Protein backbone atom coordinates (compact mmCIF):
# COMPACT_ATOMS: atom_id res chain seq x y z
CA MET A 1 -8.74 -10.41 -157.15
CA SER A 2 -9.05 -14.06 -156.50
CA ASN A 3 -6.59 -16.82 -155.91
CA GLU A 4 -6.51 -20.54 -156.76
CA ASN A 5 -8.17 -21.60 -153.45
CA GLN A 6 -11.01 -19.20 -153.94
CA ARG A 7 -11.59 -20.41 -157.51
CA GLU A 8 -11.34 -24.08 -156.72
CA GLY A 9 -13.58 -23.60 -153.58
CA LEU A 10 -16.31 -22.03 -155.70
CA GLY A 11 -15.98 -24.90 -158.17
CA HIS A 12 -16.39 -27.46 -155.41
CA GLN A 13 -19.37 -25.65 -154.05
CA ALA A 14 -21.08 -25.69 -157.47
CA LYS A 15 -20.27 -29.33 -158.00
CA GLY A 16 -21.50 -30.16 -154.43
CA THR A 17 -24.74 -28.27 -155.03
CA ALA A 18 -25.34 -30.20 -158.22
CA LYS A 19 -24.72 -33.58 -156.52
CA GLU A 20 -26.95 -32.60 -153.65
CA VAL A 21 -29.80 -31.64 -155.94
CA ALA A 22 -29.30 -34.76 -158.10
CA GLY A 23 -29.39 -36.88 -154.98
CA LYS A 24 -32.62 -35.28 -153.79
CA LEU A 25 -34.23 -35.69 -157.23
CA THR A 26 -33.23 -39.37 -157.47
CA ASP A 27 -33.87 -40.13 -153.80
CA ASN A 28 -30.24 -41.10 -153.41
CA GLU A 29 -29.25 -40.23 -149.89
CA LYS A 30 -25.59 -41.14 -150.43
CA MET A 31 -25.20 -38.82 -153.38
CA GLU A 32 -27.00 -36.07 -151.51
CA ALA A 33 -24.62 -36.43 -148.51
CA GLU A 34 -21.63 -36.48 -150.82
CA GLY A 35 -22.85 -33.21 -152.40
CA LYS A 36 -23.31 -31.58 -148.95
CA MET A 37 -19.73 -32.65 -147.95
CA GLU A 38 -18.19 -31.37 -151.21
CA LYS A 39 -20.07 -28.05 -150.84
CA ALA A 40 -18.90 -27.65 -147.26
CA GLY A 41 -15.28 -28.46 -148.34
CA GLY A 42 -15.57 -25.84 -151.03
CA GLN A 43 -16.70 -23.28 -148.58
CA VAL A 44 -13.76 -24.00 -146.36
CA GLN A 45 -11.38 -23.80 -149.24
CA GLU A 46 -12.84 -20.49 -150.40
CA THR A 47 -12.48 -19.09 -146.90
CA ALA A 48 -8.88 -20.20 -146.79
CA GLY A 49 -8.36 -18.31 -150.03
CA ASP A 50 -10.11 -15.25 -148.56
CA ILE A 51 -7.74 -15.31 -145.57
CA GLU A 52 -4.72 -15.77 -147.88
CA GLU A 53 -5.79 -12.67 -149.88
CA LYS A 54 -6.29 -10.65 -146.69
CA PHE A 55 -2.71 -11.36 -145.54
CA LYS A 56 -1.25 -10.64 -149.01
CA LYS A 57 -2.57 -7.08 -148.93
CA ASP A 58 -1.32 -6.32 -145.41
């Protein structure tokens, strides 16, 4: 079962990965950095959702 934070986190990770790759392909360091930051934020949000789920079950 997944919650909103987990779903949104995965979405941000996917979007961040796409930006990162696009930045690498176009040699755009700013876009690449933005992608890395968005991906990292998505990972944090997904982890928050994982923790939320863990405490719901207990």
